[in-house]
Amino acid sequence: MPPNSAEPQPLSLDEVRKVAHLARLALTDDQLEQYRHQLGGILGHIRQLGTLNLAEVEPMSSPIETQNRLAPDEPGPMLTNEQLMAIAPARAAEQPFIAVPKVIGGGDGA
């Protein structure tokens, strides 16, 4: 598609094949034609967005005003040792400890 052309040219099937190849998509001939129209519509929309005057528009992270809702950091109900041991996947030889895989210095041992 030539840059700065007054009338946008539709995408060729070769251009769609190239985009599909870059996206690692295997498309049938019917899908190529379908995506040719869809990609053309997307590019037309982007072209339309490029004509907007955004000089007075402040950048924003979201178009919707939001605020983080932080719950109070307070302890809740705790499990007893018996309840914890009942749901533990593995117990250590010494009680009341839970066995976990070693993650530092090697993977052998619990």
Protein backbone atom coordinates (compact mmCIF):
# COMPACT_ATOMS: atom_id res chain seq x y z
CA MET A 1 0.00 0.00 0.00
CA PRO A 2 1.63 3.29 -1.01
CA PRO A 3 2.16 5.76 1.83
CA ASN A 4 0.16 9.02 1.84
CA SER A 5 -2.30 7.74 -0.75
CA ALA A 6 -5.56 9.66 -0.68
CA GLU A 7 -7.70 6.55 -1.17
CA PRO A 8 -6.60 3.48 0.84
CA GLN A 9 -5.85 0.45 -1.30
CA PRO A 10 -7.22 -2.92 -0.19
CA LEU A 11 -4.69 -5.42 1.09
CA SER A 12 -3.44 -7.97 -1.39
CA LEU A 13 -3.56 -11.67 -0.65
CA ASP A 14 0.26 -11.68 -0.67
CA GLU A 15 0.30 -9.06 2.11
CA VAL A 16 -2.13 -11.14 4.15
CA ARG A 17 -0.02 -14.25 3.53
CA LYS A 18 3.04 -12.37 4.78
CA VAL A 19 1.24 -11.24 7.95
CA ALA A 20 -0.05 -14.79 8.50
CA HIS A 21 3.48 -16.16 8.05
CA LEU A 22 4.87 -13.66 10.57
CA ALA A 23 2.11 -14.64 13.01
CA ARG A 24 2.88 -18.33 12.38
CA LEU A 25 -0.66 -18.96 11.09
CA ALA A 26 -1.52 -21.56 8.47
CA LEU A 27 -4.55 -20.17 6.64
CA THR A 28 -6.75 -21.65 3.92
CA ASP A 29 -7.61 -19.62 0.81
CA ASP A 30 -11.05 -18.86 2.28
CA GLN A 31 -9.47 -17.65 5.53
CA LEU A 32 -7.00 -15.49 3.59
CA GLU A 33 -9.87 -13.71 1.88
CA GLN A 34 -11.78 -13.33 5.16
CA TYR A 35 -8.73 -11.92 6.96
CA ARG A 36 -7.96 -9.64 4.02
CA HIS A 37 -11.26 -7.85 4.64
CA GLN A 38 -10.87 -7.89 8.43
CA LEU A 39 -7.31 -6.55 8.35
CA GLY A 40 -8.35 -3.90 5.85
CA GLY A 41 -11.09 -2.77 8.25
CA ILE A 42 -8.65 -2.64 11.17
CA LEU A 43 -6.13 -0.62 9.15
CA GLY A 44 -8.91 1.73 8.04
CA HIS A 45 -9.90 2.29 11.66
CA ILE A 46 -6.28 2.97 12.64
CA ARG A 47 -5.99 5.38 9.70
CA GLN A 48 -9.12 7.17 10.98
CA LEU A 49 -7.67 7.37 14.50
CA GLY A 50 -4.53 8.93 13.03
CA THR A 51 -6.56 11.90 11.79
CA LEU A 52 -7.74 12.87 15.29
CA ASN A 53 -6.34 16.01 16.94
CA LEU A 54 -5.11 14.78 20.32
CA ALA A 55 -2.93 17.77 21.21
CA GLU A 56 -5.10 18.72 24.21
CA VAL A 57 -5.76 15.17 25.41
CA GLU A 58 -3.89 14.08 28.54
CA PRO A 59 -2.35 10.59 28.41
CA MET A 60 -4.10 8.07 30.66
CA SER A 61 -3.51 4.50 31.72
CA SER A 62 -7.20 3.58 31.43
CA PRO A 63 -10.25 5.23 29.85
CA ILE A 64 -12.21 4.38 33.00
CA GLU A 65 -11.59 6.16 36.32
CA THR A 66 -10.65 3.42 38.78
CA GLN A 67 -9.33 3.21 42.29
CA ASN A 68 -7.65 0.27 43.97
CA ARG A 69 -9.82 -1.29 46.65
CA LEU A 70 -7.45 -2.46 49.31
CA ALA A 71 -8.83 -4.65 52.06
CA PRO A 72 -7.42 -4.10 55.55
CA ASP A 73 -4.38 -6.24 56.25
CA GLU A 74 -5.73 -8.06 59.29
CA PRO A 75 -5.18 -11.70 60.25
CA GLY A 76 -8.13 -14.00 59.72
CA PRO A 77 -9.03 -17.34 61.26
CA MET A 78 -6.09 -19.72 61.56
CA LEU A 79 -5.90 -23.49 61.19
CA THR A 80 -4.98 -25.60 64.17
CA ASN A 81 -1.90 -27.83 63.90
CA GLU A 82 -4.18 -30.85 63.54
CA GLN A 83 -6.14 -29.25 60.67
CA LEU A 84 -2.93 -28.21 58.92
CA MET A 85 -1.37 -31.67 59.23
CA ALA A 86 -4.56 -33.26 57.90
CA ILE A 87 -4.29 -31.30 54.61
CA ALA A 88 -0.48 -31.27 54.26
CA PRO A 89 0.78 -33.17 51.19
CA ALA A 90 3.76 -34.58 53.14
CA ARG A 91 4.88 -34.53 56.75
CA ALA A 92 8.43 -34.22 58.00
CA ALA A 93 9.96 -36.94 60.12
CA GLU A 94 9.83 -34.58 63.06
CA GLN A 95 6.31 -33.51 64.01
CA PRO A 96 4.56 -31.03 63.68
CA PHE A 97 6.36 -29.94 60.49
CA ILE A 98 5.40 -30.09 56.82
CA ALA A 99 7.91 -31.55 54.33
CA VAL A 100 8.61 -29.34 51.32
CA PRO A 101 10.96 -29.85 48.35
CA LYS A 102 14.39 -28.27 48.63
CA VAL A 103 14.54 -25.27 46.31
CA ILE A 104 17.93 -23.76 47.11
CA GLY A 105 21.19 -25.57 46.43
CA GLY A 106 19.73 -28.58 44.63
CA GLY A 107 16.58 -30.56 44.32
CA ASP A 108 17.37 -33.57 46.49
CA GLY A 109 15.92 -33.94 49.92
CA ALA A 110 12.87 -32.59 51.63
